[in-house]
């Protein structure tokens, strides 16, 4: 078999598989993020109903928790994907 380690597949096939796997991973991570956001919103909404008995307030609190979680996850993702800048001073 030609190609050795990739079992005869060319570079285009392995690159295409990498793109597909990266895309699948992206969708899985996005699904998990939305599930976390929804779960925190639902929990906070139920807690608000249990404490106050007000359904409208509970919906508002759940929506705020959902949005705040989205902001936190977005900032974390943004910070993780930033390239570090070189410091001006060498470390001692």
N, C-alpha and C. Protein backbone atom coordinates (compact mmCIF):
# COMPACT_ATOMS: atom_id res chain seq x y z
N UNK A 1 0.83 -1.18 0.00
CA UNK A 1 0.00 0.00 0.00
C UNK A 1 0.87 1.24 0.00
N UNK A 2 0.63 2.14 -0.92
CA UNK A 2 1.39 3.37 -0.92
C UNK A 2 0.89 4.31 0.18
N UNK A 3 1.76 5.14 0.68
CA UNK A 3 1.34 6.16 1.62
C UNK A 3 1.69 5.85 3.06
N UNK A 4 1.96 4.64 3.41
CA UNK A 4 2.40 4.30 4.75
C UNK A 4 1.37 4.55 5.83
N UNK A 5 1.54 5.63 6.58
CA UNK A 5 0.75 5.85 7.78
C UNK A 5 -0.70 6.25 7.52
N UNK A 6 -1.02 6.77 6.35
CA UNK A 6 -2.41 7.18 6.12
C UNK A 6 -3.18 6.18 5.28
N UNK A 7 -2.69 4.95 5.17
CA UNK A 7 -3.38 3.85 4.49
C UNK A 7 -3.76 4.17 3.06
N UNK A 8 -2.90 4.83 2.35
CA UNK A 8 -3.12 5.09 0.94
C UNK A 8 -3.98 6.29 0.63
N UNK A 9 -4.47 6.98 1.62
CA UNK A 9 -5.28 8.17 1.37
C UNK A 9 -4.37 9.36 1.13
N UNK A 10 -4.81 10.22 0.27
CA UNK A 10 -4.01 11.41 -0.03
C UNK A 10 -4.18 12.48 1.04
N UNK A 11 -3.40 13.54 0.91
CA UNK A 11 -3.49 14.64 1.86
C UNK A 11 -4.84 15.33 1.82
N UNK A 12 -5.47 15.37 0.65
CA UNK A 12 -6.76 16.04 0.53
C UNK A 12 -7.82 15.34 1.37
N UNK A 13 -7.78 14.02 1.41
CA UNK A 13 -8.77 13.27 2.19
C UNK A 13 -8.57 13.51 3.68
N UNK A 14 -7.33 13.47 4.14
CA UNK A 14 -7.10 13.68 5.56
C UNK A 14 -7.41 15.12 5.97
N UNK A 15 -7.15 16.06 5.08
CA UNK A 15 -7.49 17.45 5.37
C UNK A 15 -9.00 17.62 5.43
N UNK A 16 -9.70 16.98 4.53
CA UNK A 16 -11.16 17.06 4.53
C UNK A 16 -11.73 16.43 5.80
N UNK A 17 -11.15 15.31 6.23
CA UNK A 17 -11.60 14.68 7.47
C UNK A 17 -11.33 15.58 8.67
N UNK A 18 -10.20 16.27 8.68
CA UNK A 18 -9.90 17.20 9.76
C UNK A 18 -10.90 18.34 9.81
N UNK A 19 -11.28 18.85 8.65
CA UNK A 19 -12.25 19.93 8.58
C UNK A 19 -13.60 19.45 9.10
N UNK A 20 -13.99 18.25 8.71
CA UNK A 20 -15.27 17.70 9.16
C UNK A 20 -15.24 17.48 10.67
N UNK A 21 -14.16 16.92 11.18
CA UNK A 21 -14.06 16.69 12.63
C UNK A 21 -14.05 18.00 13.40
N UNK A 22 -13.36 19.01 12.89
CA UNK A 22 -13.36 20.32 13.54
C UNK A 22 -14.77 20.93 13.56
N UNK A 23 -15.50 20.76 12.46
CA UNK A 23 -16.86 21.28 12.38
C UNK A 23 -17.78 20.56 13.35
N UNK A 24 -17.66 19.24 13.42
CA UNK A 24 -18.48 18.46 14.35
C UNK A 24 -18.16 18.86 15.78
N UNK A 25 -16.87 19.01 16.09
CA UNK A 25 -16.48 19.42 17.43
C UNK A 25 -17.05 20.78 17.78
N UNK A 26 -17.04 21.69 16.83
CA UNK A 26 -17.59 23.03 17.04
C UNK A 26 -19.08 22.97 17.37
N UNK A 27 -19.82 22.16 16.62
CA UNK A 27 -21.26 22.04 16.87
C UNK A 27 -21.53 21.38 18.22
N UNK A 28 -20.74 20.38 18.59
CA UNK A 28 -20.92 19.73 19.89
C UNK A 28 -20.64 20.71 21.02
N UNK A 29 -19.57 21.47 20.91
CA UNK A 29 -19.24 22.45 21.94
C UNK A 29 -20.31 23.54 22.03
N UNK A 30 -20.84 23.97 20.90
CA UNK A 30 -21.90 24.98 20.91
C UNK A 30 -23.17 24.43 21.56
N UNK A 31 -23.48 23.16 21.28
CA UNK A 31 -24.65 22.53 21.90
C UNK A 31 -24.49 22.43 23.40
N UNK A 32 -23.31 22.06 23.86
CA UNK A 32 -23.05 21.98 25.30
C UNK A 32 -23.15 23.37 25.94
N UNK A 33 -22.64 24.38 25.26
CA UNK A 33 -22.71 25.74 25.80
C UNK A 33 -24.15 26.21 25.93
N UNK A 34 -24.97 25.96 24.92
CA UNK A 34 -26.38 26.36 24.99
C UNK A 34 -27.10 25.56 26.07
N UNK A 35 -26.76 24.29 26.23
CA UNK A 35 -27.38 23.48 27.28
C UNK A 35 -27.02 24.01 28.67
N UNK A 36 -25.78 24.42 28.86
CA UNK A 36 -25.36 25.00 30.15
C UNK A 36 -26.11 26.31 30.39
N UNK A 37 -26.20 27.14 29.36
CA UNK A 37 -26.91 28.41 29.49
C UNK A 37 -28.38 28.17 29.85
N UNK A 38 -29.01 27.24 29.16
CA UNK A 38 -30.42 26.94 29.43
C UNK A 38 -30.61 26.37 30.83
N UNK A 39 -29.73 25.47 31.24
CA UNK A 39 -29.86 24.87 32.56
C UNK A 39 -29.74 25.91 33.66
N UNK A 40 -28.77 26.81 33.55
CA UNK A 40 -28.64 27.86 34.56
C UNK A 40 -29.86 28.78 34.55
N UNK A 41 -30.40 29.07 33.39
CA UNK A 41 -31.61 29.89 33.31
C UNK A 41 -32.80 29.20 33.93
N UNK A 42 -32.97 27.91 33.66
CA UNK A 42 -34.09 27.16 34.21
C UNK A 42 -33.98 27.06 35.73
N UNK A 43 -32.80 26.74 36.21
CA UNK A 43 -32.61 26.62 37.66
C UNK A 43 -32.89 27.96 38.35
N UNK A 44 -32.36 29.04 37.80
CA UNK A 44 -32.60 30.34 38.43
C UNK A 44 -34.07 30.74 38.35
N UNK A 45 -34.74 30.39 37.26
CA UNK A 45 -36.18 30.68 37.14
C UNK A 45 -36.99 29.91 38.17
N UNK A 46 -36.71 28.62 38.34
CA UNK A 46 -37.43 27.83 39.34
C UNK A 46 -37.15 28.33 40.75
N UNK A 47 -35.91 28.71 41.00
CA UNK A 47 -35.57 29.23 42.33
C UNK A 47 -36.32 30.54 42.59
N UNK A 48 -36.44 31.37 41.58
CA UNK A 48 -37.17 32.63 41.75
C UNK A 48 -38.64 32.39 42.01
N UNK A 49 -39.25 31.44 41.30
CA UNK A 49 -40.66 31.11 41.54
C UNK A 49 -40.83 30.56 42.95
N UNK A 50 -39.90 29.72 43.40
CA UNK A 50 -40.01 29.15 44.73
C UNK A 50 -39.89 30.22 45.81
N UNK A 51 -39.05 31.22 45.57
CA UNK A 51 -38.84 32.25 46.58
C UNK A 51 -39.90 33.35 46.55
N UNK A 52 -40.33 33.74 45.33
CA UNK A 52 -41.24 34.88 45.24
C UNK A 52 -42.66 34.51 44.81
N UNK A 53 -42.83 33.44 44.08
CA UNK A 53 -44.14 33.07 43.58
C UNK A 53 -44.57 33.87 42.35
N UNK A 54 -43.71 34.71 41.83
CA UNK A 54 -44.02 35.57 40.69
C UNK A 54 -43.47 34.95 39.41
N UNK A 55 -44.35 34.54 38.52
CA UNK A 55 -43.94 33.89 37.28
C UNK A 55 -43.27 34.85 36.30
N UNK A 56 -43.75 36.09 36.24
CA UNK A 56 -43.14 37.06 35.32
C UNK A 56 -41.72 37.39 35.75
N UNK A 57 -41.52 37.55 37.05
CA UNK A 57 -40.18 37.82 37.56
C UNK A 57 -39.26 36.62 37.30
N UNK A 58 -39.79 35.42 37.46
CA UNK A 58 -39.00 34.21 37.23
C UNK A 58 -38.54 34.13 35.77
N UNK A 59 -39.43 34.47 34.84
CA UNK A 59 -39.06 34.47 33.43
C UNK A 59 -37.96 35.49 33.17
N UNK A 60 -38.10 36.67 33.76
CA UNK A 60 -37.09 37.71 33.59
C UNK A 60 -35.74 37.26 34.16
N UNK A 61 -35.75 36.68 35.35
CA UNK A 61 -34.51 36.21 35.98
C UNK A 61 -33.87 35.11 35.14
N UNK A 62 -34.69 34.19 34.61
CA UNK A 62 -34.16 33.11 33.77
C UNK A 62 -33.51 33.68 32.51
N UNK A 63 -34.16 34.68 31.89
CA UNK A 63 -33.60 35.29 30.68
C UNK A 63 -32.30 36.00 30.99
N UNK A 64 -32.25 36.71 32.11
CA UNK A 64 -31.02 37.41 32.49
C UNK A 64 -29.90 36.40 32.76
N UNK A 65 -30.22 35.31 33.45
CA UNK A 65 -29.20 34.29 33.72
C UNK A 65 -28.69 33.67 32.41
N UNK A 66 -29.58 33.43 31.47
CA UNK A 66 -29.20 32.89 30.17
C UNK A 66 -28.23 33.83 29.45
N UNK A 67 -28.59 35.12 29.42
CA UNK A 67 -27.76 36.11 28.72
C UNK A 67 -26.42 36.30 29.43
N UNK A 68 -26.43 36.37 30.74
CA UNK A 68 -25.17 36.54 31.47
C UNK A 68 -24.24 35.34 31.28
N UNK A 69 -24.81 34.15 31.27
CA UNK A 69 -24.00 32.96 31.01
C UNK A 69 -23.41 33.00 29.61
N UNK A 70 -24.20 33.45 28.64
CA UNK A 70 -23.70 33.58 27.27
C UNK A 70 -22.55 34.57 27.20
N UNK A 71 -22.68 35.68 27.93
CA UNK A 71 -21.61 36.68 27.94
C UNK A 71 -20.34 36.10 28.55
N UNK A 72 -20.48 35.40 29.67
CA UNK A 72 -19.30 34.82 30.34
C UNK A 72 -18.62 33.79 29.43
N UNK A 73 -19.41 32.92 28.80
CA UNK A 73 -18.82 31.91 27.91
C UNK A 73 -18.17 32.55 26.69
N UNK A 74 -18.76 33.61 26.17
CA UNK A 74 -18.19 34.30 25.01
C UNK A 74 -16.87 34.96 25.36
N UNK A 75 -16.82 35.61 26.53
CA UNK A 75 -15.57 36.25 26.96
C UNK A 75 -14.50 35.20 27.20
N UNK A 76 -14.86 34.07 27.80
CA UNK A 76 -13.88 32.99 28.00
C UNK A 76 -13.33 32.50 26.66
N UNK A 77 -14.22 32.29 25.70
CA UNK A 77 -13.78 31.83 24.38
C UNK A 77 -12.89 32.86 23.72
N UNK A 78 -13.26 34.13 23.82
CA UNK A 78 -12.46 35.20 23.23
C UNK A 78 -11.07 35.24 23.86
N UNK A 79 -10.99 35.12 25.18
CA UNK A 79 -9.69 35.15 25.85
C UNK A 79 -8.85 33.93 25.52
N UNK A 80 -9.47 32.77 25.34
CA UNK A 80 -8.72 31.55 25.02
C UNK A 80 -8.16 31.59 23.61
N UNK A 81 -8.84 32.28 22.70
CA UNK A 81 -8.40 32.27 21.30
C UNK A 81 -7.49 33.44 20.96
N UNK A 82 -7.29 34.37 21.89
CA UNK A 82 -6.38 35.49 21.62
C UNK A 82 -4.95 34.99 21.61
N UNK A 83 -4.16 35.57 20.74
CA UNK A 83 -2.74 35.22 20.72
C UNK A 83 -2.03 36.07 21.78
N UNK A 84 -1.19 35.45 22.58
CA UNK A 84 -0.50 36.22 23.63
C UNK A 84 0.51 37.19 23.00
N UNK A 85 0.61 38.35 23.59
CA UNK A 85 1.55 39.34 23.10
C UNK A 85 2.86 39.18 23.87
N UNK A 86 3.94 39.46 23.21
CA UNK A 86 5.25 39.35 23.84
C UNK A 86 5.42 40.52 24.82
N UNK A 87 5.93 40.21 25.99
CA UNK A 87 6.12 41.28 26.97
C UNK A 87 7.34 42.11 26.60
N UNK A 88 7.32 43.37 26.98
CA UNK A 88 8.41 44.29 26.67
C UNK A 88 9.65 43.99 27.50
N UNK A 89 9.44 43.51 28.72
CA UNK A 89 10.56 43.23 29.61
C UNK A 89 10.80 41.73 29.70
N UNK A 90 12.06 41.31 29.61
CA UNK A 90 12.33 39.87 29.76
C UNK A 90 12.10 39.45 31.21
N UNK A 91 11.62 38.24 31.40
CA UNK A 91 11.37 37.76 32.77
C UNK A 91 12.70 37.44 33.43
N UNK A 92 12.78 37.74 34.72
CA UNK A 92 14.05 37.56 35.45
C UNK A 92 14.12 36.23 36.12
